[in-house]
Amino acid sequence: MLIATFLALQIVDLLTTLMGLRLGAGEACPLIRLLISAGLGQTFGVVSAKLFALLLGGACVGLHRPNVLRLINYWFAGLAAWNIAIIVRLVA
């Protein structure tokens, strides 16, 4: 269940981030902003971050660190909620 939650949150974060960017929201993560501003595009920047997140999640599973993965899930749940709040604000 922990891994499924992690994967679902990554998908939700990916989709809500891309939607927010397309609606005119700014990106808070400096690394993703750098990738986007370097001309690599919004999708590339966000997908790159998701690949890194999947790598970290895989490391947590491989190293038997479920508590760390649980904390990461809380973080991404908060990010997804934030993204949704921004989207609602932009379309209202």
N, C-alpha and C. Protein backbone atom coordinates (compact mmCIF):
# COMPACT_ATOMS: atom_id res chain seq x y z
N MET A 1 0.82 -1.19 0.00
CA MET A 1 0.00 0.00 0.00
C MET A 1 0.86 1.26 0.00
N LEU A 2 1.97 1.22 0.71
CA LEU A 2 2.87 2.37 0.80
C LEU A 2 3.46 2.71 -0.57
N ILE A 3 3.86 1.70 -1.31
CA ILE A 3 4.44 1.93 -2.64
C ILE A 3 3.38 2.41 -3.61
N ALA A 4 2.19 1.83 -3.55
CA ALA A 4 1.09 2.26 -4.43
C ALA A 4 0.73 3.71 -4.15
N THR A 5 0.71 4.09 -2.89
CA THR A 5 0.43 5.49 -2.53
C THR A 5 1.52 6.40 -3.08
N PHE A 6 2.76 5.98 -2.95
CA PHE A 6 3.87 6.77 -3.47
C PHE A 6 3.72 6.99 -4.98
N LEU A 7 3.45 5.92 -5.70
CA LEU A 7 3.31 6.03 -7.16
C LEU A 7 2.12 6.90 -7.54
N ALA A 8 1.01 6.74 -6.85
CA ALA A 8 -0.18 7.55 -7.14
C ALA A 8 0.11 9.03 -6.88
N LEU A 9 0.80 9.33 -5.79
CA LEU A 9 1.12 10.72 -5.48
C LEU A 9 2.08 11.33 -6.51
N GLN A 10 2.98 10.52 -7.03
CA GLN A 10 3.88 11.02 -8.08
C GLN A 10 3.10 11.39 -9.33
N ILE A 11 2.12 10.57 -9.68
CA ILE A 11 1.29 10.85 -10.86
C ILE A 11 0.46 12.11 -10.63
N VAL A 12 -0.16 12.20 -9.46
CA VAL A 12 -0.98 13.38 -9.14
C VAL A 12 -0.11 14.64 -9.15
N ASP A 13 1.07 14.57 -8.56
CA ASP A 13 1.96 15.73 -8.53
C ASP A 13 2.39 16.11 -9.95
N LEU A 14 2.73 15.13 -10.75
CA LEU A 14 3.12 15.40 -12.14
C LEU A 14 2.00 16.11 -12.89
N LEU A 15 0.81 15.56 -12.83
CA LEU A 15 -0.32 16.12 -13.58
C LEU A 15 -0.72 17.50 -13.07
N THR A 16 -0.78 17.66 -11.76
CA THR A 16 -1.19 18.97 -11.22
C THR A 16 -0.11 20.03 -11.45
N THR A 17 1.15 19.63 -11.41
CA THR A 17 2.23 20.59 -11.68
C THR A 17 2.16 21.05 -13.13
N LEU A 18 2.03 20.12 -14.06
CA LEU A 18 1.95 20.49 -15.47
C LEU A 18 0.72 21.35 -15.74
N MET A 19 -0.40 21.00 -15.13
CA MET A 19 -1.62 21.78 -15.32
C MET A 19 -1.42 23.20 -14.78
N GLY A 20 -0.87 23.30 -13.59
CA GLY A 20 -0.62 24.61 -13.01
C GLY A 20 0.31 25.46 -13.87
N LEU A 21 1.37 24.85 -14.37
CA LEU A 21 2.30 25.59 -15.23
C LEU A 21 1.61 26.08 -16.50
N ARG A 22 0.79 25.24 -17.07
CA ARG A 22 0.07 25.63 -18.29
C ARG A 22 -0.95 26.74 -18.04
N LEU A 23 -1.43 26.81 -16.80
CA LEU A 23 -2.39 27.87 -16.45
C LEU A 23 -1.69 29.16 -16.03
N GLY A 24 -0.36 29.12 -15.95
CA GLY A 24 0.38 30.33 -15.62
C GLY A 24 1.01 30.37 -14.24
N ALA A 25 0.92 29.30 -13.50
CA ALA A 25 1.56 29.25 -12.17
C ALA A 25 3.07 29.18 -12.35
N GLY A 26 3.78 29.62 -11.34
CA GLY A 26 5.23 29.52 -11.36
C GLY A 26 5.69 28.22 -10.71
N GLU A 27 6.91 27.84 -11.01
CA GLU A 27 7.49 26.63 -10.41
C GLU A 27 8.33 27.05 -9.21
N ALA A 28 8.10 26.42 -8.06
CA ALA A 28 8.81 26.77 -6.83
C ALA A 28 10.18 26.10 -6.73
N CYS A 29 10.33 24.94 -7.31
CA CYS A 29 11.59 24.18 -7.19
C CYS A 29 12.67 24.82 -8.07
N PRO A 30 13.79 25.24 -7.46
CA PRO A 30 14.85 25.90 -8.24
C PRO A 30 15.42 25.02 -9.36
N LEU A 31 15.57 23.73 -9.11
CA LEU A 31 16.13 22.85 -10.13
C LEU A 31 15.20 22.74 -11.34
N ILE A 32 13.92 22.57 -11.09
CA ILE A 32 12.97 22.48 -12.19
C ILE A 32 12.89 23.81 -12.93
N ARG A 33 12.90 24.92 -12.19
CA ARG A 33 12.93 26.25 -12.84
C ARG A 33 14.13 26.39 -13.75
N LEU A 34 15.28 25.91 -13.29
CA LEU A 34 16.51 25.97 -14.09
C LEU A 34 16.35 25.16 -15.38
N LEU A 35 15.83 23.94 -15.26
CA LEU A 35 15.64 23.11 -16.44
C LEU A 35 14.67 23.75 -17.42
N ILE A 36 13.60 24.34 -16.89
CA ILE A 36 12.61 24.98 -17.75
C ILE A 36 13.23 26.21 -18.43
N SER A 37 13.92 27.03 -17.67
CA SER A 37 14.49 28.26 -18.23
C SER A 37 15.65 27.98 -19.18
N ALA A 38 16.26 26.81 -19.10
CA ALA A 38 17.35 26.45 -20.00
C ALA A 38 16.83 26.05 -21.38
N GLY A 39 15.52 26.15 -21.56
CA GLY A 39 14.94 25.84 -22.85
C GLY A 39 14.58 24.38 -23.04
N LEU A 40 14.62 23.62 -21.96
CA LEU A 40 14.32 22.19 -22.08
C LEU A 40 12.83 21.91 -21.99
N GLY A 41 12.05 22.90 -21.61
CA GLY A 41 10.59 22.76 -21.58
C GLY A 41 10.06 22.34 -20.23
N GLN A 42 8.80 22.70 -20.02
CA GLN A 42 8.13 22.39 -18.76
C GLN A 42 8.02 20.89 -18.53
N THR A 43 7.59 20.19 -19.55
CA THR A 43 7.38 18.75 -19.40
C THR A 43 8.69 18.05 -19.05
N PHE A 44 9.77 18.38 -19.74
CA PHE A 44 11.05 17.75 -19.46
C PHE A 44 11.50 18.03 -18.03
N GLY A 45 11.36 19.27 -17.60
CA GLY A 45 11.78 19.63 -16.25
C GLY A 45 11.02 18.87 -15.19
N VAL A 46 9.70 18.80 -15.34
CA VAL A 46 8.87 18.14 -14.33
C VAL A 46 9.07 16.62 -14.37
N VAL A 47 9.13 16.06 -15.56
CA VAL A 47 9.33 14.61 -15.68
C VAL A 47 10.70 14.21 -15.13
N SER A 48 11.71 15.05 -15.33
CA SER A 48 13.04 14.77 -14.77
C SER A 48 12.97 14.69 -13.25
N ALA A 49 12.24 15.62 -12.65
CA ALA A 49 12.08 15.60 -11.19
C ALA A 49 11.34 14.34 -10.74
N LYS A 50 10.34 13.93 -11.50
CA LYS A 50 9.59 12.72 -11.15
C LYS A 50 10.48 11.48 -11.24
N LEU A 51 11.34 11.44 -12.25
CA LEU A 51 12.27 10.30 -12.36
C LEU A 51 13.21 10.24 -11.16
N PHE A 52 13.66 11.41 -10.71
CA PHE A 52 14.51 11.46 -9.52
C PHE A 52 13.73 11.00 -8.29
N ALA A 53 12.47 11.43 -8.18
CA ALA A 53 11.63 11.01 -7.05
C ALA A 53 11.43 9.50 -7.07
N LEU A 54 11.22 8.93 -8.26
CA LEU A 54 11.06 7.47 -8.36
C LEU A 54 12.35 6.76 -7.94
N LEU A 55 13.48 7.34 -8.29
CA LEU A 55 14.76 6.77 -7.87
C LEU A 55 14.89 6.78 -6.35
N LEU A 56 14.52 7.89 -5.73
CA LEU A 56 14.56 7.97 -4.26
C LEU A 56 13.59 6.98 -3.62
N GLY A 57 12.39 6.88 -4.19
CA GLY A 57 11.41 5.93 -3.68
C GLY A 57 11.91 4.50 -3.79
N GLY A 58 12.53 4.19 -4.93
CA GLY A 58 13.10 2.86 -5.12
C GLY A 58 14.22 2.58 -4.13
N ALA A 59 15.02 3.60 -3.84
CA ALA A 59 16.09 3.43 -2.85
C ALA A 59 15.51 3.15 -1.47
N CYS A 60 14.42 3.84 -1.13
CA CYS A 60 13.77 3.60 0.17
C CYS A 60 13.27 2.16 0.27
N VAL A 61 12.68 1.68 -0.81
CA VAL A 61 12.18 0.30 -0.82
C VAL A 61 13.36 -0.68 -0.74
N GLY A 62 14.38 -0.45 -1.57
CA GLY A 62 15.53 -1.34 -1.60
C GLY A 62 16.31 -1.38 -0.30
N LEU A 63 16.34 -0.25 0.39
CA LEU A 63 17.07 -0.18 1.66
C LEU A 63 16.19 -0.47 2.87
N HIS A 64 14.97 -0.89 2.61
CA HIS A 64 14.01 -1.23 3.67
C HIS A 64 13.80 -0.06 4.63
N ARG A 65 13.47 1.09 4.06
CA ARG A 65 13.21 2.31 4.83
C ARG A 65 11.79 2.79 4.63
N PRO A 66 10.81 2.01 5.09
CA PRO A 66 9.41 2.40 4.87
C PRO A 66 9.03 3.71 5.56
N ASN A 67 9.66 4.02 6.68
CA ASN A 67 9.33 5.28 7.37
C ASN A 67 9.75 6.49 6.55
N VAL A 68 10.86 6.39 5.84
CA VAL A 68 11.29 7.49 4.97
C VAL A 68 10.32 7.64 3.81
N LEU A 69 9.90 6.51 3.23
CA LEU A 69 8.93 6.55 2.13
C LEU A 69 7.61 7.14 2.62
N ARG A 70 7.23 6.84 3.83
CA ARG A 70 6.01 7.40 4.40
C ARG A 70 6.13 8.92 4.53
N LEU A 71 7.26 9.41 4.98
CA LEU A 71 7.49 10.86 5.07
C LEU A 71 7.46 11.51 3.70
N ILE A 72 8.06 10.85 2.71
CA ILE A 72 8.02 11.37 1.33
C ILE A 72 6.58 11.44 0.85
N ASN A 73 5.77 10.44 1.20
CA ASN A 73 4.36 10.46 0.80
C ASN A 73 3.62 11.65 1.40
N TYR A 74 3.89 11.93 2.67
CA TYR A 74 3.27 13.10 3.30
C TYR A 74 3.67 14.37 2.56
N TRP A 75 4.94 14.48 2.23
CA TRP A 75 5.44 15.65 1.52
C TRP A 75 4.72 15.82 0.18
N PHE A 76 4.63 14.75 -0.60
CA PHE A 76 4.01 14.86 -1.91
C PHE A 76 2.50 15.03 -1.83
N ALA A 77 1.88 14.52 -0.78
CA ALA A 77 0.46 14.79 -0.57
C ALA A 77 0.24 16.29 -0.34
N GLY A 78 1.12 16.89 0.44
CA GLY A 78 1.06 18.33 0.66
C GLY A 78 1.30 19.11 -0.61
N LEU A 79 2.28 18.68 -1.41
CA LEU A 79 2.54 19.35 -2.68
C LEU A 79 1.35 19.26 -3.62
N ALA A 80 0.75 18.09 -3.69
CA ALA A 80 -0.42 17.93 -4.56
C ALA A 80 -1.57 18.82 -4.11
N ALA A 81 -1.79 18.89 -2.79
CA ALA A 81 -2.85 19.77 -2.27
C ALA A 81 -2.55 21.22 -2.60
N TRP A 82 -1.30 21.62 -2.45
CA TRP A 82 -0.89 22.98 -2.80
C TRP A 82 -1.14 23.25 -4.28
N ASN A 83 -0.72 22.32 -5.14
CA ASN A 83 -0.94 22.47 -6.58
C ASN A 83 -2.42 22.63 -6.90
N ILE A 84 -3.25 21.82 -6.28
CA ILE A 84 -4.69 21.90 -6.53
C ILE A 84 -5.24 23.24 -6.08
N ALA A 85 -4.78 23.73 -4.93
CA ALA A 85 -5.22 25.04 -4.45
C ALA A 85 -4.83 26.14 -5.42
N ILE A 86 -3.63 26.07 -5.97
CA ILE A 86 -3.17 27.06 -6.95
C ILE A 86 -4.02 26.99 -8.22
N ILE A 87 -4.30 25.77 -8.67
CA ILE A 87 -5.11 25.59 -9.89
C ILE A 87 -6.50 26.18 -9.68
N VAL A 88 -7.11 25.89 -8.53
CA VAL A 88 -8.45 26.42 -8.24
C VAL A 88 -8.41 27.94 -8.25
N ARG A 89 -7.37 28.52 -7.65
CA ARG A 89 -7.24 29.97 -7.62
C ARG A 89 -7.08 30.56 -9.01
N LEU A 90 -6.34 29.86 -9.87
CA LEU A 90 -6.10 30.37 -11.23
C LEU A 90 -7.34 30.29 -12.13
N VAL A 91 -8.16 29.28 -11.92
CA VAL A 91 -9.34 29.14 -12.79
C VAL A 91 -10.57 29.84 -12.23
N ALA A 92 -10.51 30.28 -10.98
CA ALA A 92 -11.67 30.94 -10.38
C ALA A 92 -11.75 32.39 -10.79
